[in-house]
Structure formats: structure tokens, C-alpha cells
Amino acid sequence: TALASARAVASAGYEPIEVSALHFALQLEEQLGEISPEEAIDQLE
């Protein structure tokens, strides 16, 4: 639920909140093994 909610907020189009939501989703995706550490680093950069 946390990941689904964060992704929904990230796609809403309001950049200040979108960046925070993407940041939160990235951490959770890496924690769940959905993306590799290298992919996480690239998106965080």
C-alpha cells in the first residue's frame, strides 16, 4: 500500500511533492528488491 500510494502521488504532476514521493518510492523499491542498487543510484542522481 505504501508503494502504490507513493507512486500515485509521484505521478500527480506537482513537482515539489513529486520529488519527495519518488525519493520515498525509490527507497522502498530497493528495499523490496524491485530495483538494483545501481538503478537506485542512477535515479537518485
ModelCIF file with pLDDT and N, C-alpha, C, O atoms, coordinates in Angstrom:
data_MODEL
#
_entry.id   MODEL 
#
_entity.id                         1 
_entity.type                       polymer 
_entity.pdbx_number_of_molecules   1 
#
_entity_poly.entity_id                      1 
_entity_poly.type                           'polypeptide(L)' 
_entity_poly.nstd_linkage                   no 
_entity_poly.nstd_monomer                   no 
_entity_poly.pdbx_seq_one_letter_code       TALASARAVASAGYEPIEVSALHFALQLEEQLGEISPEEAIDQLE 
_entity_poly.pdbx_seq_one_letter_code_can   TALASARAVASAGYEPIEVSALHFALQLEEQLGEISPEEAIDQLE 
_entity_poly.pdbx_strand_id                 A 
#
loop_
_entity_poly_seq.entity_id 
_entity_poly_seq.num 
_entity_poly_seq.mon_id 
_entity_poly_seq.hetero 
1 1  THR n 
1 2  ALA n 
1 3  LEU n 
1 4  ALA n 
1 5  SER n 
1 6  ALA n 
1 7  ARG n 
1 8  ALA n 
1 9  VAL n 
1 10 ALA n 
1 11 SER n 
1 12 ALA n 
1 13 GLY n 
1 14 TYR n 
1 15 GLU n 
1 16 PRO n 
1 17 ILE n 
1 18 GLU n 
1 19 VAL n 
1 20 SER n 
1 21 ALA n 
1 22 LEU n 
1 23 HIS n 
1 24 PHE n 
1 25 ALA n 
1 26 LEU n 
1 27 GLN n 
1 28 LEU n 
1 29 GLU n 
1 30 GLU n 
1 31 GLN n 
1 32 LEU n 
1 33 GLY n 
1 34 GLU n 
1 35 ILE n 
1 36 SER n 
1 37 PRO n 
1 38 GLU n 
1 39 GLU n 
1 40 ALA n 
1 41 ILE n 
1 42 ASP n 
1 43 GLN n 
1 44 LEU n 
1 45 GLU n 
#
_struct_asym.id          A 
_struct_asym.entity_id   1 
#
loop_
_ma_qa_metric.id 
_ma_qa_metric.mode 
_ma_qa_metric.name 
_ma_qa_metric.software_group_id 
_ma_qa_metric.type 
1 global pLDDT . pLDDT 
2 local  pLDDT . pLDDT 
#
_ma_qa_metric_global.metric_id      1 
_ma_qa_metric_global.metric_value   86.42 
_ma_qa_metric_global.model_id       1 
_ma_qa_metric_global.ordinal_id     1 
#
loop_
_ma_qa_metric_local.label_asym_id 
_ma_qa_metric_local.label_comp_id 
_ma_qa_metric_local.label_seq_id 
_ma_qa_metric_local.metric_id 
_ma_qa_metric_local.metric_value 
_ma_qa_metric_local.model_id 
_ma_qa_metric_local.ordinal_id 
A THR 1  2 93.00 1 1  
A ALA 2  2 93.00 1 2  
A LEU 3  2 92.00 1 3  
A ALA 4  2 93.00 1 4  
A SER 5  2 92.00 1 5  
A ALA 6  2 91.00 1 6  
A ARG 7  2 91.00 1 7  
A ALA 8  2 92.00 1 8  
A VAL 9  2 91.00 1 9  
A ALA 10 2 87.00 1 10 
A SER 11 2 88.00 1 11 
A ALA 12 2 84.00 1 12 
A GLY 13 2 80.00 1 13 
A TYR 14 2 82.00 1 14 
A GLU 15 2 79.00 1 15 
A PRO 16 2 78.00 1 16 
A ILE 17 2 86.00 1 17 
A GLU 18 2 86.00 1 18 
A VAL 19 2 85.00 1 19 
A SER 20 2 86.00 1 20 
A ALA 21 2 89.00 1 21 
A LEU 22 2 88.00 1 22 
A HIS 23 2 84.00 1 23 
A PHE 24 2 89.00 1 24 
A ALA 25 2 90.00 1 25 
A LEU 26 2 87.00 1 26 
A GLN 27 2 84.00 1 27 
A LEU 28 2 89.00 1 28 
A GLU 29 2 88.00 1 29 
A GLU 30 2 82.00 1 30 
A GLN 31 2 83.00 1 31 
A LEU 32 2 86.00 1 32 
A GLY 33 2 84.00 1 33 
A GLU 34 2 86.00 1 34 
A ILE 35 2 84.00 1 35 
A SER 36 2 82.00 1 36 
A PRO 37 2 79.00 1 37 
A GLU 38 2 83.00 1 38 
A GLU 39 2 86.00 1 39 
A ALA 40 2 84.00 1 40 
A ILE 41 2 87.00 1 41 
A ASP 42 2 88.00 1 42 
A GLN 43 2 86.00 1 43 
A LEU 44 2 85.00 1 44 
A GLU 45 2 87.00 1 45 
#
loop_
_atom_site.group_PDB 
_atom_site.id 
_atom_site.type_symbol 
_atom_site.label_atom_id 
_atom_site.label_alt_id 
_atom_site.label_comp_id 
_atom_site.label_asym_id 
_atom_site.label_entity_id 
_atom_site.label_seq_id 
_atom_site.pdbx_PDB_ins_code 
_atom_site.Cartn_x 
_atom_site.Cartn_y 
_atom_site.Cartn_z 
_atom_site.occupancy 
_atom_site.B_iso_or_equiv 
_atom_site.pdbx_formal_charge 
_atom_site.auth_seq_id 
_atom_site.auth_comp_id 
_atom_site.auth_asym_id 
_atom_site.auth_atom_id 
_atom_site.pdbx_PDB_model_num 
ATOM 1   N N  . THR A 1 1  ? 0.837  -1.210 0.000   1.00 93.00 ? 1  THR A N  1 
ATOM 2   C CA . THR A 1 1  ? 0.000  0.000  0.000   1.00 93.00 ? 1  THR A CA 1 
ATOM 3   C C  . THR A 1 1  ? 0.864  1.249  0.000   1.00 93.00 ? 1  THR A C  1 
ATOM 4   O O  . THR A 1 1  ? 0.556  2.216  -0.696  1.00 93.00 ? 1  THR A O  1 
ATOM 5   N N  . ALA A 1 2  ? 1.935  1.237  0.769   1.00 93.00 ? 2  ALA A N  1 
ATOM 6   C CA . ALA A 1 2  ? 2.836  2.387  0.832   1.00 93.00 ? 2  ALA A CA 1 
ATOM 7   C C  . ALA A 1 2  ? 3.417  2.691  -0.533  1.00 93.00 ? 2  ALA A C  1 
ATOM 8   O O  . ALA A 1 2  ? 3.447  3.850  -0.948  1.00 93.00 ? 2  ALA A O  1 
ATOM 9   N N  . LEU A 1 3  ? 3.882  1.665  -1.243  1.00 92.00 ? 3  LEU A N  1 
ATOM 10  C CA . LEU A 1 3  ? 4.494  1.867  -2.550  1.00 92.00 ? 3  LEU A CA 1 
ATOM 11  C C  . LEU A 1 3  ? 3.475  2.337  -3.574  1.00 92.00 ? 3  LEU A C  1 
ATOM 12  O O  . LEU A 1 3  ? 3.760  3.239  -4.361  1.00 92.00 ? 3  LEU A O  1 
ATOM 13  N N  . ALA A 1 4  ? 2.290  1.736  -3.574  1.00 93.00 ? 4  ALA A N  1 
ATOM 14  C CA . ALA A 1 4  ? 1.245  2.138  -4.522  1.00 93.00 ? 4  ALA A CA 1 
ATOM 15  C C  . ALA A 1 4  ? 0.839  3.594  -4.292  1.00 93.00 ? 4  ALA A C  1 
ATOM 16  O O  . ALA A 1 4  ? 0.661  4.347  -5.250  1.00 93.00 ? 4  ALA A O  1 
ATOM 17  N N  . SER A 1 5  ? 0.692  3.993  -3.029  1.00 92.00 ? 5  SER A N  1 
ATOM 18  C CA . SER A 1 5  ? 0.306  5.373  -2.713  1.00 92.00 ? 5  SER A CA 1 
ATOM 19  C C  . SER A 1 5  ? 1.393  6.352  -3.133  1.00 92.00 ? 5  SER A C  1 
ATOM 20  O O  . SER A 1 5  ? 1.097  7.412  -3.684  1.00 92.00 ? 5  SER A O  1 
ATOM 21  N N  . ALA A 1 6  ? 2.663  5.997  -2.871  1.00 91.00 ? 6  ALA A N  1 
ATOM 22  C CA . ALA A 1 6  ? 3.767  6.878  -3.241  1.00 91.00 ? 6  ALA A CA 1 
ATOM 23  C C  . ALA A 1 6  ? 3.852  7.062  -4.749  1.00 91.00 ? 6  ALA A C  1 
ATOM 24  O O  . ALA A 1 6  ? 4.083  8.171  -5.232  1.00 91.00 ? 6  ALA A O  1 
ATOM 25  N N  . ARG A 1 7  ? 3.666  5.974  -5.496  1.00 91.00 ? 7  ARG A N  1 
ATOM 26  C CA . ARG A 1 7  ? 3.707  6.070  -6.958  1.00 91.00 ? 7  ARG A CA 1 
ATOM 27  C C  . ARG A 1 7  ? 2.574  6.944  -7.492  1.00 91.00 ? 7  ARG A C  1 
ATOM 28  O O  . ARG A 1 7  ? 2.753  7.694  -8.452  1.00 91.00 ? 7  ARG A O  1 
ATOM 29  N N  . ALA A 1 8  ? 1.410  6.838  -6.858  1.00 92.00 ? 8  ALA A N  1 
ATOM 30  C CA . ALA A 1 8  ? 0.274  7.668  -7.289  1.00 92.00 ? 8  ALA A CA 1 
ATOM 31  C C  . ALA A 1 8  ? 0.573  9.151  -7.058  1.00 92.00 ? 8  ALA A C  1 
ATOM 32  O O  . ALA A 1 8  ? 0.284  9.985  -7.916  1.00 92.00 ? 8  ALA A O  1 
ATOM 33  N N  . VAL A 1 9  ? 1.147  9.475  -5.910  1.00 91.00 ? 9  VAL A N  1 
ATOM 34  C CA . VAL A 1 9  ? 1.498  10.870 -5.621  1.00 91.00 ? 9  VAL A CA 1 
ATOM 35  C C  . VAL A 1 9  ? 2.576  11.347 -6.584  1.00 91.00 ? 9  VAL A C  1 
ATOM 36  O O  . VAL A 1 9  ? 2.542  12.494 -7.031  1.00 91.00 ? 9  VAL A O  1 
ATOM 37  N N  . ALA A 1 10 ? 3.538  10.477 -6.909  1.00 87.00 ? 10 ALA A N  1 
ATOM 38  C CA . ALA A 1 10 ? 4.651  10.861 -7.790  1.00 87.00 ? 10 ALA A CA 1 
ATOM 39  C C  . ALA A 1 10 ? 4.180  11.158 -9.205  1.00 87.00 ? 10 ALA A C  1 
ATOM 40  O O  . ALA A 1 10 ? 4.838  11.898 -9.936  1.00 87.00 ? 10 ALA A O  1 
ATOM 41  N N  . SER A 1 11 ? 3.058  10.592 -9.591  1.00 88.00 ? 11 SER A N  1 
ATOM 42  C CA . SER A 1 11 ? 2.566  10.811 -10.961 1.00 88.00 ? 11 SER A CA 1 
ATOM 43  C C  . SER A 1 11 ? 1.527  11.927 -11.037 1.00 88.00 ? 11 SER A C  1 
ATOM 44  O O  . SER A 1 11 ? 0.905  12.130 -12.080 1.00 88.00 ? 11 SER A O  1 
ATOM 45  N N  . ALA A 1 12 ? 1.341  12.652 -9.927  1.00 84.00 ? 12 ALA A N  1 
ATOM 46  C CA . ALA A 1 12 ? 0.277  13.666 -9.887  1.00 84.00 ? 12 ALA A CA 1 
ATOM 47  C C  . ALA A 1 12 ? 0.659  14.964 -10.589 1.00 84.00 ? 12 ALA A C  1 
ATOM 48  O O  . ALA A 1 12 ? -0.219 15.759 -10.926 1.00 84.00 ? 12 ALA A O  1 
ATOM 49  N N  . GLY A 1 13 ? 1.959  15.194 -10.817 1.00 80.00 ? 13 GLY A N  1 
ATOM 50  C CA . GLY A 1 13 ? 2.370  16.356 -11.597 1.00 80.00 ? 13 GLY A CA 1 
ATOM 51  C C  . GLY A 1 13 ? 2.742  17.589 -10.800 1.00 80.00 ? 13 GLY A C  1 
ATOM 52  O O  . GLY A 1 13 ? 3.045  18.624 -11.394 1.00 80.00 ? 13 GLY A O  1 
ATOM 53  N N  . TYR A 1 14 ? 2.729  17.519 -9.467  1.00 82.00 ? 14 TYR A N  1 
ATOM 54  C CA . TYR A 1 14 ? 3.143  18.676 -8.664  1.00 82.00 ? 14 TYR A CA 1 
ATOM 55  C C  . TYR A 1 14 ? 4.567  18.411 -8.176  1.00 82.00 ? 14 TYR A C  1 
ATOM 56  O O  . TYR A 1 14 ? 4.778  17.611 -7.264  1.00 82.00 ? 14 TYR A O  1 
ATOM 57  N N  . GLU A 1 15 ? 5.544  19.088 -8.789  1.00 79.00 ? 15 GLU A N  1 
ATOM 58  C CA . GLU A 1 15 ? 6.942  18.697 -8.647  1.00 79.00 ? 15 GLU A CA 1 
ATOM 59  C C  . GLU A 1 15 ? 7.464  18.684 -7.214  1.00 79.00 ? 15 GLU A C  1 
ATOM 60  O O  . GLU A 1 15 ? 8.132  17.718 -6.845  1.00 79.00 ? 15 GLU A O  1 
ATOM 61  N N  . PRO A 1 16 ? 7.200  19.702 -6.372  1.00 78.00 ? 16 PRO A N  1 
ATOM 62  C CA . PRO A 1 16 ? 7.770  19.650 -5.012  1.00 78.00 ? 16 PRO A CA 1 
ATOM 63  C C  . PRO A 1 16 ? 7.409  18.370 -4.257  1.00 78.00 ? 16 PRO A C  1 
ATOM 64  O O  . PRO A 1 16 ? 8.256  17.784 -3.582  1.00 78.00 ? 16 PRO A O  1 
ATOM 65  N N  . ILE A 1 17 ? 6.143  17.934 -4.372  1.00 86.00 ? 17 ILE A N  1 
ATOM 66  C CA . ILE A 1 17 ? 5.723  16.700 -3.708  1.00 86.00 ? 17 ILE A CA 1 
ATOM 67  C C  . ILE A 1 17 ? 6.134  15.484 -4.534  1.00 86.00 ? 17 ILE A C  1 
ATOM 68  O O  . ILE A 1 17 ? 6.429  14.426 -3.979  1.00 86.00 ? 17 ILE A O  1 
ATOM 69  N N  . GLU A 1 18 ? 6.154  15.632 -5.861  1.00 86.00 ? 18 GLU A N  1 
ATOM 70  C CA . GLU A 1 18 ? 6.517  14.529 -6.738  1.00 86.00 ? 18 GLU A CA 1 
ATOM 71  C C  . GLU A 1 18 ? 7.932  14.033 -6.446  1.00 86.00 ? 18 GLU A C  1 
ATOM 72  O O  . GLU A 1 18 ? 8.171  12.826 -6.396  1.00 86.00 ? 18 GLU A O  1 
ATOM 73  N N  . VAL A 1 19 ? 8.866  14.958 -6.253  1.00 85.00 ? 19 VAL A N  1 
ATOM 74  C CA . VAL A 1 19 ? 10.255 14.576 -5.982  1.00 85.00 ? 19 VAL A CA 1 
ATOM 75  C C  . VAL A 1 19 ? 10.347 13.804 -4.666  1.00 85.00 ? 19 VAL A C  1 
ATOM 76  O O  . VAL A 1 19 ? 11.031 12.785 -4.581  1.00 85.00 ? 19 VAL A O  1 
ATOM 77  N N  . SER A 1 20 ? 9.644  14.306 -3.635  1.00 86.00 ? 20 SER A N  1 
ATOM 78  C CA . SER A 1 20 ? 9.651  13.611 -2.341  1.00 86.00 ? 20 SER A CA 1 
ATOM 79  C C  . SER A 1 20 ? 9.046  12.217 -2.465  1.00 86.00 ? 20 SER A C  1 
ATOM 80  O O  . SER A 1 20 ? 9.545  11.265 -1.865  1.00 86.00 ? 20 SER A O  1 
ATOM 81  N N  . ALA A 1 21 ? 7.956  12.094 -3.254  1.00 89.00 ? 21 ALA A N  1 
ATOM 82  C CA . ALA A 1 21 ? 7.301  10.802 -3.420  1.00 89.00 ? 21 ALA A CA 1 
ATOM 83  C C  . ALA A 1 21 ? 8.194  9.832  -4.200  1.00 89.00 ? 21 ALA A C  1 
ATOM 84  O O  . ALA A 1 21 ? 8.266  8.649  -3.867  1.00 89.00 ? 21 ALA A O  1 
ATOM 85  N N  . LEU A 1 22 ? 8.877  10.334 -5.241  1.00 88.00 ? 22 LEU A N  1 
ATOM 86  C CA . LEU A 1 22 ? 9.794  9.486  -5.997  1.00 88.00 ? 22 LEU A CA 1 
ATOM 87  C C  . LEU A 1 22 ? 10.950 9.002  -5.108  1.00 88.00 ? 22 LEU A C  1 
ATOM 88  O O  . LEU A 1 22 ? 11.381 7.852  -5.183  1.00 88.00 ? 22 LEU A O  1 
ATOM 89  N N  . HIS A 1 23 ? 11.426 9.912  -4.278  1.00 84.00 ? 23 HIS A N  1 
ATOM 90  C CA . HIS A 1 23 ? 12.515 9.585  -3.357  1.00 84.00 ? 23 HIS A CA 1 
ATOM 91  C C  . HIS A 1 23 ? 12.076 8.470  -2.403  1.00 84.00 ? 23 HIS A C  1 
ATOM 92  O O  . HIS A 1 23 ? 12.810 7.507  -2.183  1.00 84.00 ? 23 HIS A O  1 
ATOM 93  N N  . PHE A 1 24 ? 10.880 8.610  -1.844  1.00 89.00 ? 24 PHE A N  1 
ATOM 94  C CA . PHE A 1 24 ? 10.350 7.603  -0.926  1.00 89.00 ? 24 PHE A CA 1 
ATOM 95  C C  . PHE A 1 24 ? 10.127 6.269  -1.651  1.00 89.00 ? 24 PHE A C  1 
ATOM 96  O O  . PHE A 1 24 ? 10.459 5.209  -1.120  1.00 89.00 ? 24 PHE A O  1 
ATOM 97  N N  . ALA A 1 25 ? 9.567  6.324  -2.861  1.00 90.00 ? 25 ALA A N  1 
ATOM 98  C CA . ALA A 1 25 ? 9.291  5.101  -3.621  1.00 90.00 ? 25 ALA A CA 1 
ATOM 99  C C  . ALA A 1 25 ? 10.579 4.379  -3.998  1.00 90.00 ? 25 ALA A C  1 
ATOM 100 O O  . ALA A 1 25 ? 10.644 3.150  -3.969  1.00 90.00 ? 25 ALA A O  1 
ATOM 101 N N  . LEU A 1 26 ? 11.603 5.152  -4.352  1.00 87.00 ? 26 LEU A N  1 
ATOM 102 C CA . LEU A 1 26 ? 12.888 4.544  -4.722  1.00 87.00 ? 26 LEU A CA 1 
ATOM 103 C C  . LEU A 1 26 ? 13.487 3.755  -3.566  1.00 87.00 ? 26 LEU A C  1 
ATOM 104 O O  . LEU A 1 26 ? 13.967 2.635  -3.741  1.00 87.00 ? 26 LEU A O  1 
ATOM 105 N N  . GLN A 1 27 ? 13.449 4.359  -2.383  1.00 84.00 ? 27 GLN A N  1 
ATOM 106 C CA . GLN A 1 27 ? 13.978 3.658  -1.209  1.00 84.00 ? 27 GLN A CA 1 
ATOM 107 C C  . GLN A 1 27 ? 13.231 2.347  -0.977  1.00 84.00 ? 27 GLN A C  1 
ATOM 108 O O  . GLN A 1 27 ? 13.829 1.311  -0.685  1.00 84.00 ? 27 GLN A O  1 
ATOM 109 N N  . LEU A 1 28 ? 11.897 2.424  -1.115  1.00 89.00 ? 28 LEU A N  1 
ATOM 110 C CA . LEU A 1 28 ? 11.083 1.242  -0.844  1.00 89.00 ? 28 LEU A CA 1 
ATOM 111 C C  . LEU A 1 28 ? 11.289 0.178  -1.917  1.00 89.00 ? 28 LEU A C  1 
ATOM 112 O O  . LEU A 1 28 ? 11.321 -1.014 -1.609  1.00 89.00 ? 28 LEU A O  1 
ATOM 113 N N  . GLU A 1 29 ? 11.428 0.599  -3.173  1.00 88.00 ? 29 GLU A N  1 
ATOM 114 C CA . GLU A 1 29 ? 11.649 -0.356 -4.266  1.00 88.00 ? 29 GLU A CA 1 
ATOM 115 C C  . GLU A 1 29 ? 12.979 -1.094 -4.088  1.00 88.00 ? 29 GLU A C  1 
ATOM 116 O O  . GLU A 1 29 ? 13.065 -2.300 -4.319  1.00 88.00 ? 29 GLU A O  1 
ATOM 117 N N  . GLU A 1 30 ? 14.000 -0.367 -3.680  1.00 82.00 ? 30 GLU A N  1 
ATOM 118 C CA . GLU A 1 30 ? 15.292 -1.017 -3.459  1.00 82.00 ? 30 GLU A CA 1 
ATOM 119 C C  . GLU A 1 30 ? 15.209 -1.981 -2.269  1.00 82.00 ? 30 GLU A C  1 
ATOM 120 O O  . GLU A 1 30 ? 15.758 -3.083 -2.297  1.00 82.00 ? 30 GLU A O  1 
ATOM 121 N N  . GLN A 1 31 ? 14.504 -1.530 -1.224  1.00 83.00 ? 31 GLN A N  1 
ATOM 122 C CA . GLN A 1 31 ? 14.347 -2.380 -0.038  1.00 83.00 ? 31 GLN A CA 1 
ATOM 123 C C  . GLN A 1 31 ? 13.622 -3.671 -0.380  1.00 83.00 ? 31 GLN A C  1 
ATOM 124 O O  . GLN A 1 31 ? 13.932 -4.727 0.171   1.00 83.00 ? 31 GLN A O  1 
ATOM 125 N N  . LEU A 1 32 ? 12.654 -3.587 -1.295  1.00 86.00 ? 32 LEU A N  1 
ATOM 126 C CA . LEU A 1 32 ? 11.875 -4.760 -1.686  1.00 86.00 ? 32 LEU A CA 1 
ATOM 127 C C  . LEU A 1 32 ? 12.561 -5.561 -2.794  1.00 86.00 ? 32 LEU A C  1 
ATOM 128 O O  . LEU A 1 32 ? 12.065 -6.613 -3.198  1.00 86.00 ? 32 LEU A O  1 
ATOM 129 N N  . GLY A 1 33 ? 13.692 -5.069 -3.283  1.00 84.00 ? 33 GLY A N  1 
ATOM 130 C CA . GLY A 1 33 ? 14.419 -5.782 -4.331  1.00 84.00 ? 33 GLY A CA 1 
ATOM 131 C C  . GLY A 1 33 ? 13.839 -5.600 -5.714  1.00 84.00 ? 33 GLY A C  1 
ATOM 132 O O  . GLY A 1 33 ? 14.159 -6.372 -6.618  1.00 84.00 ? 33 GLY A O  1 
ATOM 133 N N  . GLU A 1 34 ? 12.991 -4.596 -5.906  1.00 86.00 ? 34 GLU A N  1 
ATOM 134 C CA . GLU A 1 34 ? 12.378 -4.371 -7.216  1.00 86.00 ? 34 GLU A CA 1 
ATOM 135 C C  . GLU A 1 34 ? 13.323 -3.664 -8.172  1.00 86.00 ? 34 GLU A C  1 
ATOM 136 O O  . GLU A 1 34 ? 13.152 -3.756 -9.388  1.00 86.00 ? 34 GLU A O  1 
ATOM 137 N N  . ILE A 1 35 ? 14.315 -2.960 -7.644  1.00 84.00 ? 35 ILE A N  1 
ATOM 138 C CA . ILE A 1 35 ? 15.344 -2.355 -8.487  1.00 84.00 ? 35 ILE A CA 1 
ATOM 139 C C  . ILE A 1 35 ? 16.698 -2.655 -7.854  1.00 84.00 ? 35 ILE A C  1 
ATOM 140 O O  . ILE A 1 35 ? 16.796 -2.877 -6.647  1.00 84.00 ? 35 ILE A O  1 
ATOM 141 N N  . SER A 1 36 ? 17.724 -2.657 -8.669  1.00 82.00 ? 36 SER A N  1 
ATOM 142 C CA . SER A 1 36 ? 19.075 -2.940 -8.183  1.00 82.00 ? 36 SER A CA 1 
ATOM 143 C C  . SER A 1 36 ? 19.661 -1.688 -7.532  1.00 82.00 ? 36 SER A C  1 
ATOM 144 O O  . SER A 1 36 ? 19.180 -0.583 -7.783  1.00 82.00 ? 36 SER A O  1 
ATOM 145 N N  . PRO A 1 37 ? 20.694 -1.845 -6.699  1.00 79.00 ? 37 PRO A N  1 
ATOM 146 C CA . PRO A 1 37 ? 21.355 -0.662 -6.124  1.00 79.00 ? 37 PRO A CA 1 
ATOM 147 C C  . PRO A 1 37 ? 21.868 0.287  -7.192  1.00 79.00 ? 37 PRO A C  1 
ATOM 148 O O  . PRO A 1 37 ? 21.832 1.504  -7.011  1.00 79.00 ? 37 PRO A O  1 
ATOM 149 N N  . GLU A 1 38 ? 22.346 -0.261 -8.308  1.00 83.00 ? 38 GLU A N  1 
ATOM 150 C CA . GLU A 1 38 ? 22.861 0.595  -9.385  1.00 83.00 ? 38 GLU A CA 1 
ATOM 151 C C  . GLU A 1 38 ? 21.736 1.429  -10.001 1.00 83.00 ? 38 GLU A C  1 
ATOM 152 O O  . GLU A 1 38 ? 21.922 2.612  -10.287 1.00 83.00 ? 38 GLU A O  1 
ATOM 153 N N  . GLU A 1 39 ? 20.556 0.803  -10.206 1.00 86.00 ? 39 GLU A N  1 
ATOM 154 C CA . GLU A 1 39 ? 19.411 1.549  -10.742 1.00 86.00 ? 39 GLU A CA 1 
ATOM 155 C C  . GLU A 1 39 ? 18.950 2.610  -9.758  1.00 86.00 ? 39 GLU A C  1 
ATOM 156 O O  . GLU A 1 39 ? 18.578 3.713  -10.159 1.00 86.00 ? 39 GLU A O  1 
ATOM 157 N N  . ALA A 1 40 ? 18.973 2.281  -8.466  1.00 84.00 ? 40 ALA A N  1 
ATOM 158 C CA . ALA A 1 40 ? 18.578 3.258  -7.452  1.00 84.00 ? 40 ALA A CA 1 
ATOM 159 C C  . ALA A 1 40 ? 19.516 4.450  -7.463  1.00 84.00 ? 40 ALA A C  1 
ATOM 160 O O  . ALA A 1 40 ? 19.071 5.595  -7.389  1.00 84.00 ? 40 ALA A O  1 
ATOM 161 N N  . ILE A 1 41 ? 20.820 4.185  -7.555  1.00 87.00 ? 41 ILE A N  1 
ATOM 162 C CA . ILE A 1 41 ? 21.800 5.276  -7.589  1.00 87.00 ? 41 ILE A CA 1 
ATOM 163 C C  . ILE A 1 41 ? 21.557 6.178  -8.791  1.00 87.00 ? 41 ILE A C  1 
ATOM 164 O O  . ILE A 1 41 ? 21.583 7.402  -8.664  1.00 87.00 ? 41 ILE A O  1 
ATOM 165 N N  . ASP A 1 42 ? 21.319 5.578  -9.965  1.00 88.00 ? 42 ASP A N  1 
ATOM 166 C CA . ASP A 1 42 ? 21.101 6.357  -11.185 1.00 88.00 ? 42 ASP A CA 1 
ATOM 167 C C  . ASP A 1 42 ? 19.885 7.269  -11.049 1.00 88.00 ? 42 ASP A C  1 
ATOM 168 O O  . ASP A 1 42 ? 19.938 8.441  -11.423 1.00 88.00 ? 42 ASP A O  1 
ATOM 169 N N  . GLN A 1 43 ? 18.789 6.729  -10.512 1.00 86.00 ? 43 GLN A N  1 
ATOM 170 C CA . GLN A 1 43 ? 17.573 7.545  -10.382 1.00 86.00 ? 43 GLN A CA 1 
ATOM 171 C C  . GLN A 1 43 ? 17.713 8.600  -9.289  1.00 86.00 ? 43 GLN A C  1 
ATOM 172 O O  . GLN A 1 43 ? 17.184 9.703  -9.423  1.00 86.00 ? 43 GLN A O  1 
ATOM 173 N N  . LEU A 1 44 ? 18.425 8.268  -8.203  1.00 85.00 ? 44 LEU A N  1 
ATOM 174 C CA . LEU A 1 44 ? 18.654 9.254  -7.144  1.00 85.00 ? 44 LEU A CA 1 
ATOM 175 C C  . LEU A 1 44 ? 19.521 10.399 -7.633  1.00 85.00 ? 44 LEU A C  1 
ATOM 176 O O  . LEU A 1 44 ? 19.316 11.547 -7.239  1.00 85.00 ? 44 LEU A O  1 
ATOM 177 N N  . GLU A 1 45 ? 20.489 10.094 -8.489  1.00 87.00 ? 45 GLU A N  1 
ATOM 178 C CA . GLU A 1 45 ? 21.327 11.160 -9.067  1.00 87.00 ? 45 GLU A CA 1 
ATOM 179 C C  . GLU A 1 45 ? 20.466 12.115 -9.886  1.00 87.00 ? 45 GLU A C  1 
ATOM 180 O O  . GLU A 1 45 ? 20.980 13.078 -10.453 1.00 87.00 ? 45 GLU A O  1 
#
